[in-house]
């Protein structure tokens, strides 16, 4: 049952370490943080605007918090100043507002 999840994680840089999880019998994967696409290819920007008018590709977007970390798939654009334009829904999901930092990478299926 874990083949799809394992393939998705391997695509991001995780590798099977030869161990099986004692709780669900699935493979245990691990990765060096610097080798993960989510950390090595992501970009950090400030939110410049929250607006309903966004026409772009999808991204994986996260807030820049530790204890209150949140992540979602959504649409965003960069303005001429390099700041992000995000939707109110994305802002709500991430619990962020204009002026906060986000991290993003292109969404791949």
N, C-alpha and C. Protein backbone atom coordinates (compact mmCIF):
# COMPACT_ATOMS: atom_id res chain seq x y z
N UNK A 1 0.81 -1.21 0.00
CA UNK A 1 0.00 0.00 0.00
C UNK A 1 0.84 1.27 0.00
N UNK A 2 2.15 1.13 0.22
CA UNK A 2 2.98 2.33 0.33
C UNK A 2 3.81 2.60 -0.92
N UNK A 3 3.56 1.89 -2.01
CA UNK A 3 4.37 2.03 -3.22
C UNK A 3 4.28 3.45 -3.79
N UNK A 4 3.09 4.02 -3.88
CA UNK A 4 2.93 5.37 -4.44
C UNK A 4 3.62 6.42 -3.57
N UNK A 5 3.43 6.32 -2.26
CA UNK A 5 4.07 7.27 -1.35
C UNK A 5 5.59 7.14 -1.41
N UNK A 6 6.08 5.90 -1.46
CA UNK A 6 7.52 5.66 -1.55
C UNK A 6 8.08 6.28 -2.83
N UNK A 7 7.40 6.09 -3.96
CA UNK A 7 7.85 6.64 -5.23
C UNK A 7 7.87 8.17 -5.18
N UNK A 8 6.84 8.78 -4.57
CA UNK A 8 6.80 10.24 -4.47
C UNK A 8 7.97 10.76 -3.63
N UNK A 9 8.25 10.10 -2.52
CA UNK A 9 9.34 10.53 -1.65
C UNK A 9 10.70 10.32 -2.33
N UNK A 10 10.86 9.23 -3.05
CA UNK A 10 12.11 8.98 -3.76
C UNK A 10 12.34 10.04 -4.85
N UNK A 11 11.27 10.48 -5.46
CA UNK A 11 11.36 11.53 -6.49
C UNK A 11 11.87 12.83 -5.87
N UNK A 12 11.60 13.02 -4.60
CA UNK A 12 12.04 14.23 -3.90
C UNK A 12 13.43 14.11 -3.28
N UNK A 13 14.02 12.92 -3.30
CA UNK A 13 15.37 12.77 -2.77
C UNK A 13 15.53 11.78 -1.63
N UNK A 14 14.42 11.19 -1.16
CA UNK A 14 14.51 10.19 -0.10
C UNK A 14 14.99 8.87 -0.68
N UNK A 15 15.63 8.04 0.15
CA UNK A 15 16.08 6.72 -0.26
C UNK A 15 15.75 5.70 0.84
N UNK A 16 15.44 4.49 0.39
CA UNK A 16 15.14 3.42 1.33
C UNK A 16 16.43 3.03 2.05
N UNK A 17 16.37 2.92 3.37
CA UNK A 17 17.56 2.61 4.15
C UNK A 17 17.65 1.13 4.52
N UNK A 18 16.77 0.30 3.98
CA UNK A 18 16.81 -1.14 4.25
C UNK A 18 16.00 -1.58 5.44
N UNK A 19 15.35 -0.63 6.12
CA UNK A 19 14.57 -0.96 7.31
C UNK A 19 13.07 -0.91 7.00
N UNK A 20 12.31 -1.63 7.80
CA UNK A 20 10.86 -1.68 7.69
C UNK A 20 10.26 -1.06 8.96
N UNK A 21 9.24 -0.24 8.79
CA UNK A 21 8.58 0.41 9.92
C UNK A 21 7.87 -0.64 10.77
N UNK A 22 8.08 -0.61 12.08
CA UNK A 22 7.50 -1.62 12.96
C UNK A 22 5.99 -1.46 13.15
N UNK A 23 5.45 -0.29 12.83
CA UNK A 23 4.03 -0.06 13.05
C UNK A 23 3.17 -0.42 11.84
N UNK A 24 3.65 -0.11 10.63
CA UNK A 24 2.82 -0.40 9.46
C UNK A 24 3.46 -1.35 8.45
N UNK A 25 4.69 -1.77 8.70
CA UNK A 25 5.35 -2.73 7.82
C UNK A 25 5.85 -2.13 6.51
N UNK A 26 5.76 -0.82 6.37
CA UNK A 26 6.22 -0.16 5.16
C UNK A 26 7.70 0.18 5.24
N UNK A 27 8.28 0.57 4.13
CA UNK A 27 9.71 0.91 4.11
C UNK A 27 9.99 2.20 4.88
N UNK A 28 11.15 2.27 5.50
CA UNK A 28 11.59 3.48 6.18
C UNK A 28 12.55 4.20 5.24
N UNK A 29 12.22 5.43 4.91
CA UNK A 29 13.06 6.21 4.01
C UNK A 29 13.69 7.36 4.77
N UNK A 30 14.84 7.80 4.29
CA UNK A 30 15.48 8.94 4.90
C UNK A 30 16.25 9.70 3.85
N UNK A 31 16.64 10.93 4.17
CA UNK A 31 17.37 11.77 3.22
C UNK A 31 18.18 12.80 3.97
N UNK A 32 19.26 13.22 3.35
CA UNK A 32 20.02 14.36 3.83
C UNK A 32 19.21 15.60 3.44
N UNK A 33 18.95 16.48 4.38
CA UNK A 33 18.10 17.64 4.13
C UNK A 33 18.58 18.47 2.93
N UNK A 34 19.86 18.59 2.75
CA UNK A 34 20.38 19.39 1.65
C UNK A 34 20.13 18.75 0.29
N UNK A 35 19.80 17.45 0.26
CA UNK A 35 19.55 16.75 -0.99
C UNK A 35 18.07 16.76 -1.39
N UNK A 36 17.20 17.22 -0.52
CA UNK A 36 15.78 17.25 -0.82
C UNK A 36 15.44 18.39 -1.76
N UNK A 37 14.65 18.10 -2.78
CA UNK A 37 14.24 19.14 -3.73
C UNK A 37 13.50 20.27 -3.01
N UNK A 38 12.69 19.92 -2.03
CA UNK A 38 11.90 20.92 -1.32
C UNK A 38 12.77 21.95 -0.62
N UNK A 39 13.96 21.57 -0.19
CA UNK A 39 14.85 22.53 0.47
C UNK A 39 15.88 23.11 -0.50
N UNK A 40 16.41 22.31 -1.39
CA UNK A 40 17.46 22.81 -2.28
C UNK A 40 16.91 23.67 -3.43
N UNK A 41 15.67 23.46 -3.85
CA UNK A 41 15.11 24.20 -4.99
C UNK A 41 14.07 25.25 -4.60
N UNK A 42 13.71 25.31 -3.32
CA UNK A 42 12.69 26.28 -2.92
C UNK A 42 13.27 27.69 -2.83
N UNK A 43 12.39 28.66 -2.97
CA UNK A 43 12.78 30.07 -2.87
C UNK A 43 11.95 30.72 -1.78
N UNK A 44 12.56 31.66 -1.08
CA UNK A 44 11.89 32.38 0.00
C UNK A 44 11.62 33.81 -0.47
N UNK A 45 10.37 34.25 -0.33
CA UNK A 45 9.98 35.61 -0.71
C UNK A 45 8.99 36.18 0.30
N UNK A 46 8.83 37.47 0.24
CA UNK A 46 7.85 38.15 1.09
C UNK A 46 6.53 38.24 0.34
N UNK A 47 5.43 38.12 1.07
CA UNK A 47 4.10 38.29 0.47
C UNK A 47 3.85 39.79 0.31
N UNK A 48 3.66 40.20 -0.95
CA UNK A 48 3.42 41.60 -1.23
C UNK A 48 1.95 41.95 -1.37
N UNK A 49 1.14 40.94 -1.73
CA UNK A 49 -0.28 41.21 -1.96
C UNK A 49 -1.10 39.94 -1.82
N UNK A 50 -2.27 40.06 -1.23
CA UNK A 50 -3.25 38.98 -1.17
C UNK A 50 -4.42 39.42 -2.05
N UNK A 51 -4.66 38.66 -3.13
CA UNK A 51 -5.65 39.07 -4.12
C UNK A 51 -6.31 37.86 -4.77
N UNK A 52 -7.52 38.04 -5.27
CA UNK A 52 -8.24 36.97 -5.96
C UNK A 52 -7.79 36.81 -7.41
N UNK A 53 -7.10 37.78 -7.96
CA UNK A 53 -6.76 37.76 -9.38
C UNK A 53 -5.36 37.19 -9.61
N UNK A 54 -5.26 35.87 -9.59
CA UNK A 54 -3.98 35.19 -9.83
C UNK A 54 -4.20 34.15 -10.91
N UNK A 55 -3.42 34.25 -11.96
CA UNK A 55 -3.49 33.29 -13.06
C UNK A 55 -2.07 32.77 -13.28
N UNK A 56 -1.79 31.60 -12.72
CA UNK A 56 -0.43 31.05 -12.81
C UNK A 56 -0.47 29.54 -12.66
N UNK A 57 0.70 28.94 -12.78
CA UNK A 57 0.84 27.52 -12.50
C UNK A 57 0.72 27.29 -11.00
N UNK A 58 0.57 26.01 -10.62
CA UNK A 58 0.49 25.68 -9.20
C UNK A 58 1.89 25.55 -8.59
N UNK A 59 1.95 25.87 -7.31
CA UNK A 59 3.18 25.76 -6.54
C UNK A 59 2.87 25.05 -5.22
N UNK A 60 3.89 24.49 -4.62
CA UNK A 60 3.81 24.05 -3.24
C UNK A 60 4.32 25.23 -2.44
N UNK A 61 3.48 25.74 -1.55
CA UNK A 61 3.78 26.98 -0.82
C UNK A 61 3.70 26.69 0.67
N UNK A 62 4.66 27.21 1.43
CA UNK A 62 4.60 27.04 2.89
C UNK A 62 4.84 28.38 3.56
N UNK A 63 4.39 28.46 4.81
CA UNK A 63 4.76 29.63 5.59
C UNK A 63 6.21 29.44 6.04
N UNK A 64 6.74 30.40 6.75
CA UNK A 64 8.14 30.35 7.17
C UNK A 64 8.24 30.18 8.69
N UNK A 65 7.29 29.45 9.24
CA UNK A 65 7.22 29.28 10.68
C UNK A 65 7.66 27.88 11.08
N UNK A 66 8.07 27.72 12.31
CA UNK A 66 8.50 26.41 12.79
C UNK A 66 7.37 25.71 13.54
N UNK A 67 6.94 26.27 14.64
CA UNK A 67 5.92 25.63 15.47
C UNK A 67 4.55 25.64 14.79
N UNK A 68 4.28 26.63 13.95
CA UNK A 68 2.99 26.76 13.28
C UNK A 68 3.13 26.48 11.78
N UNK A 69 4.04 25.59 11.41
CA UNK A 69 4.30 25.30 9.99
C UNK A 69 3.03 24.82 9.29
N UNK A 70 2.80 25.37 8.09
CA UNK A 70 1.70 24.93 7.24
C UNK A 70 2.18 24.96 5.80
N UNK A 71 1.59 24.08 4.98
CA UNK A 71 1.98 23.95 3.59
C UNK A 71 0.74 23.60 2.77
N UNK A 72 0.68 24.09 1.52
CA UNK A 72 -0.44 23.76 0.65
C UNK A 72 -0.03 23.91 -0.81
N UNK A 73 -0.86 23.42 -1.69
CA UNK A 73 -0.68 23.65 -3.12
C UNK A 73 -1.57 24.83 -3.49
N UNK A 74 -1.03 25.75 -4.27
CA UNK A 74 -1.81 26.90 -4.67
C UNK A 74 -1.14 27.68 -5.78
N UNK A 75 -1.82 28.70 -6.23
CA UNK A 75 -1.28 29.54 -7.30
C UNK A 75 -0.67 30.80 -6.68
N UNK A 76 0.41 31.27 -7.28
CA UNK A 76 1.06 32.50 -6.83
C UNK A 76 1.81 33.12 -7.99
N UNK A 77 2.06 34.39 -7.88
CA UNK A 77 2.84 35.11 -8.88
C UNK A 77 3.83 36.01 -8.15
N UNK A 78 4.93 36.30 -8.83
CA UNK A 78 5.88 37.28 -8.30
C UNK A 78 5.62 38.61 -8.99
N UNK A 79 5.60 39.69 -8.21
CA UNK A 79 5.40 41.01 -8.81
C UNK A 79 6.74 41.58 -9.26
N UNK A 80 6.74 42.80 -9.75
CA UNK A 80 7.97 43.42 -10.28
C UNK A 80 9.04 43.64 -9.21
N UNK A 81 8.65 43.60 -7.94
CA UNK A 81 9.59 43.79 -6.83
C UNK A 81 10.07 42.46 -6.25
N UNK A 82 9.66 41.35 -6.87
CA UNK A 82 10.06 40.03 -6.38
C UNK A 82 9.25 39.55 -5.19
N UNK A 83 8.13 40.20 -4.93
CA UNK A 83 7.25 39.79 -3.84
C UNK A 83 6.12 38.94 -4.40
N UNK A 84 5.56 38.08 -3.56
CA UNK A 84 4.52 37.15 -3.99
C UNK A 84 3.14 37.77 -3.93
N UNK A 85 2.33 37.38 -4.90
CA UNK A 85 0.89 37.65 -4.90
C UNK A 85 0.24 36.30 -4.67
N UNK A 86 -0.56 36.18 -3.61
CA UNK A 86 -1.24 34.92 -3.30
C UNK A 86 -2.73 35.18 -3.09
N UNK A 87 -3.50 34.11 -3.13
CA UNK A 87 -4.95 34.23 -2.94
C UNK A 87 -5.30 34.31 -1.46
N UNK A 88 -6.48 34.85 -1.16
CA UNK A 88 -6.95 34.86 0.23
C UNK A 88 -7.04 33.44 0.81
N UNK A 89 -7.45 32.49 -0.02
CA UNK A 89 -7.55 31.09 0.44
C UNK A 89 -6.18 30.55 0.86
N UNK A 90 -5.15 30.80 0.03
CA UNK A 90 -3.80 30.35 0.37
C UNK A 90 -3.31 31.05 1.64
N UNK A 91 -3.56 32.34 1.75
CA UNK A 91 -3.16 33.08 2.96
C UNK A 91 -3.83 32.49 4.20
N UNK A 92 -5.10 32.15 4.06
CA UNK A 92 -5.85 31.55 5.18
C UNK A 92 -5.27 30.18 5.54
N UNK A 93 -5.03 29.34 4.52
CA UNK A 93 -4.47 28.00 4.78
C UNK A 93 -3.12 28.08 5.49
N UNK A 94 -2.29 29.05 5.07
CA UNK A 94 -0.95 29.16 5.63
C UNK A 94 -0.89 30.03 6.89
N UNK A 95 -2.01 30.68 7.21
CA UNK A 95 -2.10 31.56 8.37
C UNK A 95 -1.07 32.69 8.26
N UNK A 96 -1.07 33.36 7.10
CA UNK A 96 -0.13 34.44 6.85
C UNK A 96 -0.86 35.66 6.29
N UNK A 97 -0.15 36.78 6.21
CA UNK A 97 -0.70 38.03 5.69
C UNK A 97 0.38 38.75 4.90
N UNK A 98 0.00 39.85 4.28
CA UNK A 98 0.96 40.69 3.56
C UNK A 98 2.12 41.04 4.49
N UNK A 99 3.33 40.91 3.97
CA UNK A 99 4.53 41.21 4.76
C UNK A 99 5.20 39.97 5.34
N UNK A 100 4.46 38.86 5.43
CA UNK A 100 5.05 37.61 5.94
C UNK A 100 5.86 36.94 4.83
N UNK A 101 6.76 36.06 5.22
CA UNK A 101 7.56 35.30 4.26
C UNK A 101 6.91 33.96 3.94
N UNK A 102 7.09 33.54 2.70
CA UNK A 102 6.68 32.20 2.29
C UNK A 102 7.85 31.54 1.56
N UNK A 103 7.75 30.24 1.42
CA UNK A 103 8.71 29.46 0.65
C UNK A 103 7.91 28.71 -0.40
N UNK A 104 8.45 28.57 -1.64
CA UNK A 104 7.69 27.91 -2.69
C UNK A 104 8.59 27.14 -3.64
N UNK A 105 7.99 26.12 -4.26
CA UNK A 105 8.61 25.37 -5.34
C UNK A 105 7.50 25.03 -6.34
N UNK A 106 7.84 24.83 -7.62
CA UNK A 106 6.81 24.43 -8.58
C UNK A 106 6.16 23.12 -8.17
N UNK A 107 4.85 23.03 -8.39
CA UNK A 107 4.10 21.82 -8.09
C UNK A 107 4.28 20.84 -9.26
N UNK A 108 4.70 19.63 -8.95
CA UNK A 108 4.82 18.61 -9.98
C UNK A 108 3.93 17.44 -9.62
N UNK A 109 3.23 16.92 -10.59
CA UNK A 109 2.31 15.82 -10.33
C UNK A 109 3.02 14.51 -10.26
